[in-house]
């Protein structure tokens, strides 16, 4: 085993020396520093508090129309997932609702309804990653409407509720207290 490690190390060292000797730089500096505007365009994370939620609003009826046209192909008409998607996660992995009370069982069902602690996370995820074939293409109004639709179908909010920056942040998810808070500050090291 020690002999194999020595051979791997020696080979790596020899290749790096050969590359350096052939005129390749020791360090590559790709790209350019991002401008403040470029960072702002992608720095759209929404925390649990809802700080930074954009203007807009949406309701169950508008969300149902959007869901029916863009989301059923993966998540199914009943929000329980589609079982036979080629080359993609399928079935229960795409389920959005149900599963309350299953997380401590041998077969947990992890959904928006049973697992996610904050409704603002739903908004954030839909805005960034959905629909699968065109992530980031939805307007804020559409994201609020889809959030309202999913939350209402999960019986977390009433179908008559309108979601906006204030109301979405006030939604109490079924598993809000199911996580242990990590009070450590986030630290990022520049390399």
Protein backbone atom coordinates (compact mmCIF):
# COMPACT_ATOMS: atom_id res chain seq x y z
CA UNK A 1 0.00 0.00 0.00
CA UNK A 2 2.81 2.40 0.91
CA UNK A 3 4.56 1.50 -2.36
CA UNK A 4 1.40 2.37 -4.34
CA UNK A 5 1.12 5.76 -2.62
CA UNK A 6 4.77 6.49 -3.38
CA UNK A 7 4.27 5.64 -7.03
CA UNK A 8 1.18 7.84 -7.27
CA UNK A 9 2.98 10.74 -5.55
CA UNK A 10 6.08 10.39 -7.73
CA UNK A 11 3.98 10.23 -10.90
CA UNK A 12 2.01 13.34 -9.90
CA UNK A 13 5.20 15.21 -9.04
CA UNK A 14 6.84 14.21 -12.34
CA UNK A 15 3.80 15.30 -14.36
CA UNK A 16 3.58 18.67 -12.59
CA UNK A 17 7.31 19.26 -13.18
CA UNK A 18 6.91 18.34 -16.85
CA UNK A 19 3.95 20.71 -17.23
CA UNK A 20 5.83 23.56 -15.53
CA UNK A 21 8.87 22.86 -17.67
CA UNK A 22 6.74 22.91 -20.82
CA UNK A 23 5.78 26.52 -20.13
CA UNK A 24 2.49 26.02 -18.27
CA UNK A 25 2.03 28.45 -15.38
CA UNK A 26 1.94 27.21 -11.80
CA UNK A 27 -1.37 28.98 -11.22
CA UNK A 28 -4.16 29.72 -13.68
CA UNK A 29 -6.11 32.97 -13.29
CA UNK A 30 -9.34 32.43 -15.18
CA UNK A 31 -11.99 35.10 -15.59
CA UNK A 32 -12.18 38.47 -13.94
CA UNK A 33 -13.44 39.63 -10.55
CA UNK A 34 -17.22 39.94 -10.52
CA UNK A 35 -18.64 43.45 -10.35
CA UNK A 36 -21.08 44.46 -7.61
CA UNK A 37 -23.91 44.36 -10.19
CA UNK A 38 -22.96 40.83 -11.30
CA UNK A 39 -22.90 39.62 -7.70
CA UNK A 40 -26.23 41.30 -6.94
CA UNK A 41 -27.84 39.55 -9.93
CA UNK A 42 -27.11 36.11 -8.45
CA UNK A 43 -27.16 36.94 -4.73
CA UNK A 44 -30.87 36.23 -4.43
CA UNK A 45 -30.96 33.82 -1.49
CA UNK A 46 -33.97 34.25 0.76
CA UNK A 47 -33.38 33.51 4.47
CA UNK A 48 -36.04 32.01 6.79
CA UNK A 49 -37.03 35.51 7.92
CA UNK A 50 -38.10 36.41 4.39
CA UNK A 51 -35.72 39.37 4.24
CA UNK A 52 -35.16 40.22 0.61
CA UNK A 53 -38.38 38.69 -0.73
CA UNK A 54 -39.29 40.67 -3.84
CA UNK A 55 -42.51 42.59 -4.46
CA UNK A 56 -45.34 40.61 -5.94
CA UNK A 57 -48.17 38.33 -4.93
CA UNK A 58 -49.86 35.13 -5.96
CA UNK A 59 -52.77 32.90 -5.04
CA UNK A 60 -53.93 29.30 -5.35
CA UNK A 61 -55.92 29.81 -8.56
CA UNK A 62 -53.02 31.44 -10.43
CA UNK A 63 -50.63 28.85 -9.01
CA UNK A 64 -52.82 25.96 -10.17
CA UNK A 65 -52.76 27.25 -13.76
CA UNK A 66 -48.98 27.55 -13.71
CA UNK A 67 -48.57 24.18 -11.99
CA UNK A 68 -50.85 22.45 -14.52
CA UNK A 69 -48.88 23.84 -17.46
CA UNK A 70 -45.31 23.58 -16.15
CA UNK A 71 -45.05 21.26 -13.16
CA UNK A 72 -47.28 18.21 -13.65
CA UNK A 73 -44.84 16.55 -16.04
CA UNK A 74 -42.48 15.85 -13.10
CA UNK A 75 -44.56 16.33 -9.95
CA UNK A 76 -47.81 14.82 -11.25
CA UNK A 77 -51.32 16.26 -11.24
CA UNK A 78 -51.72 15.29 -7.57
CA UNK A 79 -48.28 16.62 -6.43
CA UNK A 80 -47.20 13.07 -5.58
CA UNK A 81 -44.52 12.72 -8.27
CA UNK A 82 -44.34 10.86 -11.57
CA UNK A 83 -43.04 7.31 -11.31
CA UNK A 84 -41.60 6.74 -14.78
CA UNK A 85 -39.34 9.60 -15.79
CA UNK A 86 -36.45 8.53 -17.97
CA UNK A 87 -32.97 9.57 -16.79
CA UNK A 88 -34.33 11.56 -13.82
CA UNK A 89 -35.25 10.99 -10.22
CA UNK A 90 -38.81 9.73 -10.22
CA UNK A 91 -41.81 8.91 -8.09
CA UNK A 92 -41.48 9.68 -4.39
CA UNK A 93 -38.35 11.77 -5.00
CA UNK A 94 -40.51 14.29 -6.86
CA UNK A 95 -43.37 14.23 -4.36
CA UNK A 96 -44.27 17.65 -2.94
CA UNK A 97 -46.99 16.92 -0.37
CA UNK A 98 -47.90 14.35 2.26
CA UNK A 99 -45.65 12.49 4.63
CA UNK A 100 -46.39 14.36 7.84
CA UNK A 101 -45.27 12.38 10.86
CA UNK A 102 -43.12 9.96 8.84
CA UNK A 103 -39.68 11.45 9.42
CA UNK A 104 -39.00 9.33 12.51
CA UNK A 105 -40.27 6.14 10.89
CA UNK A 106 -38.21 3.56 8.98
CA UNK A 107 -39.63 4.93 5.71
CA UNK A 108 -39.68 8.73 5.94
CA UNK A 109 -41.49 10.65 3.21
CA UNK A 110 -39.59 13.90 2.76
CA UNK A 111 -41.70 16.56 1.09
CA UNK A 112 -42.24 20.30 1.27
CA UNK A 113 -45.04 19.51 3.70
CA UNK A 114 -43.25 17.06 5.97
CA UNK A 115 -39.63 18.19 5.90
CA UNK A 116 -39.08 21.81 4.93
CA UNK A 117 -39.01 24.13 7.96
CA UNK A 118 -39.71 27.47 6.20
CA UNK A 119 -42.07 28.56 3.44
CA UNK A 120 -39.46 31.07 2.31
CA UNK A 121 -37.26 28.10 1.34
CA UNK A 122 -40.00 26.95 -1.02
CA UNK A 123 -40.07 30.36 -2.71
CA UNK A 124 -36.26 30.44 -2.94
CA UNK A 125 -36.03 26.95 -4.42
CA UNK A 126 -38.80 27.43 -6.98
CA UNK A 127 -37.30 30.75 -8.09
CA UNK A 128 -33.82 29.30 -8.57
CA UNK A 129 -34.43 25.78 -9.82
CA UNK A 130 -37.85 25.45 -11.41
CA UNK A 131 -39.15 24.52 -13.85
CA UNK A 132 -36.60 21.80 -14.46
CA UNK A 133 -36.30 22.57 -18.18
CA UNK A 134 -35.97 26.35 -17.69
CA UNK A 135 -34.73 27.14 -14.16
CA UNK A 136 -34.95 30.77 -13.13
CA UNK A 137 -37.45 31.63 -15.87
CA UNK A 138 -40.47 32.26 -13.63
CA UNK A 139 -41.51 35.76 -12.59
CA UNK A 140 -41.74 36.59 -8.90
CA UNK A 141 -45.55 36.68 -9.24
CA UNK A 142 -45.50 33.14 -10.67
CA UNK A 143 -43.27 31.94 -7.84
CA UNK A 144 -45.59 33.43 -5.22
CA UNK A 145 -48.56 31.78 -6.97
CA UNK A 146 -46.86 28.37 -7.12
CA UNK A 147 -45.87 28.70 -3.48
CA UNK A 148 -49.50 29.47 -2.58
CA UNK A 149 -50.73 26.50 -4.62
CA UNK A 150 -48.31 23.99 -3.08
CA UNK A 151 -48.85 25.27 0.47
CA UNK A 152 -52.63 25.15 0.05
CA UNK A 153 -52.59 21.66 -1.47
CA UNK A 154 -50.52 20.56 1.54
CA UNK A 155 -53.20 22.11 3.78
CA UNK A 156 -50.67 24.46 5.37
CA UNK A 157 -52.56 27.57 4.25
CA UNK A 158 -56.12 28.12 3.08
CA UNK A 159 -56.83 28.22 -0.67
CA UNK A 160 -58.06 31.79 -0.24
CA UNK A 161 -54.69 32.98 1.13
CA UNK A 162 -52.61 35.35 -0.99
CA UNK A 163 -48.84 34.95 -0.72
CA UNK A 164 -46.57 37.98 -0.79
CA UNK A 165 -43.39 39.01 1.04
CA UNK A 166 -45.19 39.52 4.34
CA UNK A 167 -47.64 36.60 4.34
CA UNK A 168 -45.16 34.02 3.04
CA UNK A 169 -42.68 34.80 5.81
CA UNK A 170 -45.45 34.30 8.41
CA UNK A 171 -46.41 30.80 7.24
CA UNK A 172 -45.69 28.24 9.95
CA UNK A 173 -44.57 24.99 8.33
CA UNK A 174 -45.46 21.66 9.96
CA UNK A 175 -41.79 20.79 10.57
CA UNK A 176 -40.58 24.23 11.63
CA UNK A 177 -39.40 22.90 15.01
CA UNK A 178 -37.93 19.69 13.61
CA UNK A 179 -34.42 21.07 13.13
CA UNK A 180 -31.63 21.99 15.50
CA UNK A 181 -30.42 25.54 14.96
CA UNK A 182 -26.76 26.03 14.13
CA UNK A 183 -25.77 29.35 15.71
CA UNK A 184 -22.28 29.42 14.18
CA UNK A 185 -21.69 32.36 11.85
CA UNK A 186 -20.96 31.59 8.23
CA UNK A 187 -17.33 32.22 7.37
CA UNK A 188 -15.84 32.32 3.91
CA UNK A 189 -12.13 32.21 3.27
CA UNK A 190 -10.65 33.83 0.22
CA UNK A 191 -8.22 31.52 -1.51
